[in-house]
Amino acid sequence: MKVLAYIVLAGVILSLVQSTIIAAALLLAVMILWGAFFRPEALFGLLAFGLFASTLERYPLATLSALALFAAIDAARGRHG
């Protein structure tokens, strides 16, 4: 009987963990929508940084080459203001 009680307790704990993860995911989605409406520049900056970090992790040489190319183009154009 104790084994059955431990199995039921484990199921309850796993259910609570799953509910917590779902609540955190919903909160994240609401916060992203909130950011899109009230602070879009910060949200898109965060998303761009995440995209850059992900690309750098997967394709380091290609990312650094593209970054160097963009820097060279920006330097060739000069500063405007």
N, C-alpha and C. Protein backbone atom coordinates (compact mmCIF):
# COMPACT_ATOMS: atom_id res chain seq x y z
N MET A 1 0.81 -1.19 0.00
CA MET A 1 0.00 0.00 0.00
C MET A 1 0.86 1.26 0.00
N LYS A 2 2.03 1.19 0.65
CA LYS A 2 2.90 2.37 0.66
C LYS A 2 3.42 2.67 -0.74
N VAL A 3 3.67 1.64 -1.52
CA VAL A 3 4.15 1.85 -2.88
C VAL A 3 3.09 2.58 -3.70
N LEU A 4 1.85 2.19 -3.54
CA LEU A 4 0.76 2.84 -4.25
C LEU A 4 0.64 4.31 -3.83
N ALA A 5 0.82 4.57 -2.56
CA ALA A 5 0.76 5.95 -2.07
C ALA A 5 1.89 6.78 -2.66
N TYR A 6 3.09 6.19 -2.76
CA TYR A 6 4.21 6.91 -3.36
C TYR A 6 3.97 7.19 -4.84
N ILE A 7 3.36 6.25 -5.54
CA ILE A 7 3.05 6.44 -6.95
C ILE A 7 2.02 7.56 -7.13
N VAL A 8 1.00 7.58 -6.29
CA VAL A 8 0.00 8.64 -6.35
C VAL A 8 0.62 9.99 -6.01
N LEU A 9 1.48 10.03 -5.01
CA LEU A 9 2.15 11.27 -4.62
C LEU A 9 3.04 11.77 -5.75
N ALA A 10 3.75 10.87 -6.42
CA ALA A 10 4.59 11.26 -7.55
C ALA A 10 3.73 11.83 -8.68
N GLY A 11 2.59 11.23 -8.92
CA GLY A 11 1.68 11.74 -9.95
C GLY A 11 1.17 13.13 -9.63
N VAL A 12 0.84 13.37 -8.36
CA VAL A 12 0.37 14.69 -7.95
C VAL A 12 1.48 15.72 -8.11
N ILE A 13 2.70 15.37 -7.71
CA ILE A 13 3.83 16.30 -7.83
C ILE A 13 4.11 16.61 -9.30
N LEU A 14 4.09 15.61 -10.15
CA LEU A 14 4.32 15.84 -11.58
C LEU A 14 3.22 16.71 -12.18
N SER A 15 2.00 16.51 -11.73
CA SER A 15 0.89 17.34 -12.21
C SER A 15 1.07 18.79 -11.78
N LEU A 16 1.53 19.03 -10.57
CA LEU A 16 1.79 20.40 -10.11
C LEU A 16 2.93 21.04 -10.89
N VAL A 17 3.96 20.27 -11.17
CA VAL A 17 5.08 20.80 -11.96
C VAL A 17 4.61 21.16 -13.37
N GLN A 18 3.80 20.31 -13.96
CA GLN A 18 3.29 20.57 -15.30
C GLN A 18 2.41 21.83 -15.30
N SER A 19 1.57 21.99 -14.31
CA SER A 19 0.73 23.18 -14.22
C SER A 19 1.57 24.44 -14.05
N THR A 20 2.64 24.36 -13.28
CA THR A 20 3.52 25.50 -13.09
C THR A 20 4.22 25.88 -14.39
N ILE A 21 4.66 24.90 -15.14
CA ILE A 21 5.32 25.16 -16.42
C ILE A 21 4.35 25.80 -17.41
N ILE A 22 3.13 25.32 -17.45
CA ILE A 22 2.12 25.89 -18.34
C ILE A 22 1.81 27.33 -17.95
N ALA A 23 1.70 27.59 -16.65
CA ALA A 23 1.44 28.95 -16.20
C ALA A 23 2.59 29.88 -16.55
N ALA A 24 3.81 29.40 -16.43
CA ALA A 24 4.98 30.22 -16.78
C ALA A 24 5.00 30.51 -18.29
N ALA A 25 4.65 29.53 -19.10
CA ALA A 25 4.61 29.74 -20.55
C ALA A 25 3.53 30.74 -20.93
N LEU A 26 2.37 30.67 -20.29
CA LEU A 26 1.31 31.63 -20.57
C LEU A 26 1.72 33.04 -20.12
N LEU A 27 2.38 33.14 -18.98
CA LEU A 27 2.86 34.43 -18.51
C LEU A 27 3.89 35.02 -19.47
N LEU A 28 4.76 34.18 -19.99
CA LEU A 28 5.74 34.64 -20.98
C LEU A 28 5.05 35.16 -22.24
N ALA A 29 4.03 34.45 -22.71
CA ALA A 29 3.30 34.89 -23.90
C ALA A 29 2.60 36.23 -23.65
N VAL A 30 2.01 36.40 -22.48
CA VAL A 30 1.35 37.66 -22.15
C VAL A 30 2.37 38.79 -22.07
N MET A 31 3.53 38.52 -21.48
CA MET A 31 4.56 39.55 -21.36
C MET A 31 5.11 39.95 -22.74
N ILE A 32 5.23 39.00 -23.65
CA ILE A 32 5.69 39.32 -25.00
C ILE A 32 4.65 40.19 -25.72
N LEU A 33 3.39 39.85 -25.57
CA LEU A 33 2.34 40.68 -26.17
C LEU A 33 2.32 42.08 -25.55
N TRP A 34 2.49 42.14 -24.25
CA TRP A 34 2.53 43.43 -23.55
C TRP A 34 3.70 44.28 -24.09
N GLY A 35 4.84 43.63 -24.24
CA GLY A 35 6.01 44.33 -24.76
C GLY A 35 5.82 44.78 -26.20
N ALA A 36 5.13 44.00 -27.00
CA ALA A 36 4.90 44.37 -28.40
C ALA A 36 4.03 45.62 -28.49
N PHE A 37 3.11 45.81 -27.55
CA PHE A 37 2.24 46.98 -27.60
C PHE A 37 2.85 48.21 -26.94
N PHE A 38 3.58 48.02 -25.84
CA PHE A 38 4.01 49.18 -25.06
C PHE A 38 5.51 49.50 -25.17
N ARG A 39 6.34 48.52 -25.50
CA ARG A 39 7.77 48.77 -25.67
C ARG A 39 8.31 47.94 -26.84
N PRO A 40 7.85 48.22 -28.06
CA PRO A 40 8.25 47.38 -29.20
C PRO A 40 9.75 47.43 -29.49
N GLU A 41 10.39 48.59 -29.27
CA GLU A 41 11.82 48.68 -29.57
C GLU A 41 12.63 47.77 -28.64
N ALA A 42 12.24 47.71 -27.39
CA ALA A 42 12.95 46.84 -26.45
C ALA A 42 12.68 45.36 -26.76
N LEU A 43 11.44 45.04 -27.09
CA LEU A 43 11.09 43.66 -27.40
C LEU A 43 11.82 43.18 -28.65
N PHE A 44 11.82 44.00 -29.70
CA PHE A 44 12.48 43.57 -30.93
C PHE A 44 13.99 43.53 -30.76
N GLY A 45 14.53 44.39 -29.92
CA GLY A 45 15.95 44.30 -29.60
C GLY A 45 16.29 43.01 -28.88
N LEU A 46 15.43 42.62 -27.94
CA LEU A 46 15.64 41.36 -27.23
C LEU A 46 15.53 40.17 -28.18
N LEU A 47 14.53 40.19 -29.06
CA LEU A 47 14.38 39.10 -30.02
C LEU A 47 15.55 39.05 -31.00
N ALA A 48 16.03 40.21 -31.44
CA ALA A 48 17.18 40.25 -32.35
C ALA A 48 18.43 39.72 -31.67
N PHE A 49 18.61 40.08 -30.39
CA PHE A 49 19.76 39.58 -29.64
C PHE A 49 19.68 38.06 -29.49
N GLY A 50 18.50 37.54 -29.22
CA GLY A 50 18.33 36.09 -29.11
C GLY A 50 18.59 35.38 -30.42
N LEU A 51 18.13 35.97 -31.51
CA LEU A 51 18.38 35.41 -32.84
C LEU A 51 19.86 35.42 -33.15
N PHE A 52 20.53 36.53 -32.84
CA PHE A 52 21.97 36.62 -33.07
C PHE A 52 22.74 35.58 -32.24
N ALA A 53 22.37 35.44 -30.97
CA ALA A 53 23.05 34.47 -30.10
C ALA A 53 22.82 33.04 -30.59
N SER A 54 21.61 32.75 -31.02
CA SER A 54 21.31 31.42 -31.53
C SER A 54 22.09 31.13 -32.81
N THR A 55 22.13 32.12 -33.71
CA THR A 55 22.87 31.94 -34.96
C THR A 55 24.36 31.81 -34.70
N LEU A 56 24.87 32.58 -33.75
CA LEU A 56 26.28 32.51 -33.40
C LEU A 56 26.64 31.14 -32.83
N GLU A 57 25.71 30.56 -32.09
CA GLU A 57 25.97 29.24 -31.50
C GLU A 57 25.98 28.15 -32.58
N ARG A 58 25.08 28.25 -33.55
CA ARG A 58 24.99 27.21 -34.58
C ARG A 58 26.02 27.37 -35.68
N TYR A 59 26.18 28.60 -36.15
CA TYR A 59 27.06 28.87 -37.29
C TYR A 59 28.03 30.00 -36.93
N PRO A 60 29.04 29.72 -36.13
CA PRO A 60 29.89 30.81 -35.65
C PRO A 60 30.67 31.50 -36.77
N LEU A 61 31.22 30.75 -37.70
CA LEU A 61 32.02 31.36 -38.76
C LEU A 61 31.16 32.21 -39.68
N ALA A 62 30.01 31.70 -40.07
CA ALA A 62 29.12 32.46 -40.95
C ALA A 62 28.60 33.72 -40.26
N THR A 63 28.27 33.61 -38.98
CA THR A 63 27.76 34.77 -38.26
C THR A 63 28.82 35.85 -38.11
N LEU A 64 30.01 35.44 -37.74
CA LEU A 64 31.08 36.43 -37.59
C LEU A 64 31.48 37.04 -38.93
N SER A 65 31.41 36.25 -40.00
CA SER A 65 31.69 36.78 -41.33
C SER A 65 30.64 37.80 -41.74
N ALA A 66 29.38 37.51 -41.50
CA ALA A 66 28.31 38.45 -41.82
C ALA A 66 28.43 39.71 -40.98
N LEU A 67 28.79 39.56 -39.71
CA LEU A 67 28.97 40.72 -38.85
C LEU A 67 30.13 41.59 -39.33
N ALA A 68 31.22 40.96 -39.76
CA ALA A 68 32.35 41.72 -40.30
C ALA A 68 31.97 42.42 -41.60
N LEU A 69 31.18 41.77 -42.43
CA LEU A 69 30.72 42.38 -43.67
C LEU A 69 29.85 43.60 -43.39
N PHE A 70 28.92 43.47 -42.45
CA PHE A 70 28.06 44.59 -42.09
C PHE A 70 28.87 45.74 -41.51
N ALA A 71 29.87 45.42 -40.71
CA ALA A 71 30.72 46.47 -40.13
C ALA A 71 31.52 47.16 -41.22
N ALA A 72 32.02 46.41 -42.20
CA ALA A 72 32.77 47.01 -43.30
C ALA A 72 31.88 47.90 -44.15
N ILE A 73 30.66 47.47 -44.42
CA ILE A 73 29.73 48.29 -45.19
C ILE A 73 29.40 49.57 -44.44
N ASP A 74 29.18 49.44 -43.13
CA ASP A 74 28.86 50.61 -42.32
C ASP A 74 30.04 51.58 -42.29
N ALA A 75 31.25 51.06 -42.19
CA ALA A 75 32.45 51.92 -42.19
C ALA A 75 32.64 52.58 -43.54
N ALA A 76 32.34 51.88 -44.63
CA ALA A 76 32.49 52.46 -45.96
C ALA A 76 31.47 53.57 -46.22
N ARG A 77 30.29 53.44 -45.65
CA ARG A 77 29.25 54.46 -45.83
C ARG A 77 29.58 55.72 -45.05
N GLY A 78 30.32 55.59 -43.98
CA GLY A 78 30.65 56.75 -43.15
C GLY A 78 29.55 57.06 -42.18
N ARG A 79 29.82 58.01 -41.33
CA ARG A 79 28.83 58.40 -40.31
C ARG A 79 27.95 59.52 -40.86
N HIS A 80 26.67 59.38 -40.57
CA HIS A 80 25.69 60.38 -41.02
C HIS A 80 25.05 61.02 -39.81
N GLY A 81 25.67 61.95 -39.19
CA GLY A 81 25.08 62.67 -38.07
C GLY A 81 25.64 62.24 -36.82
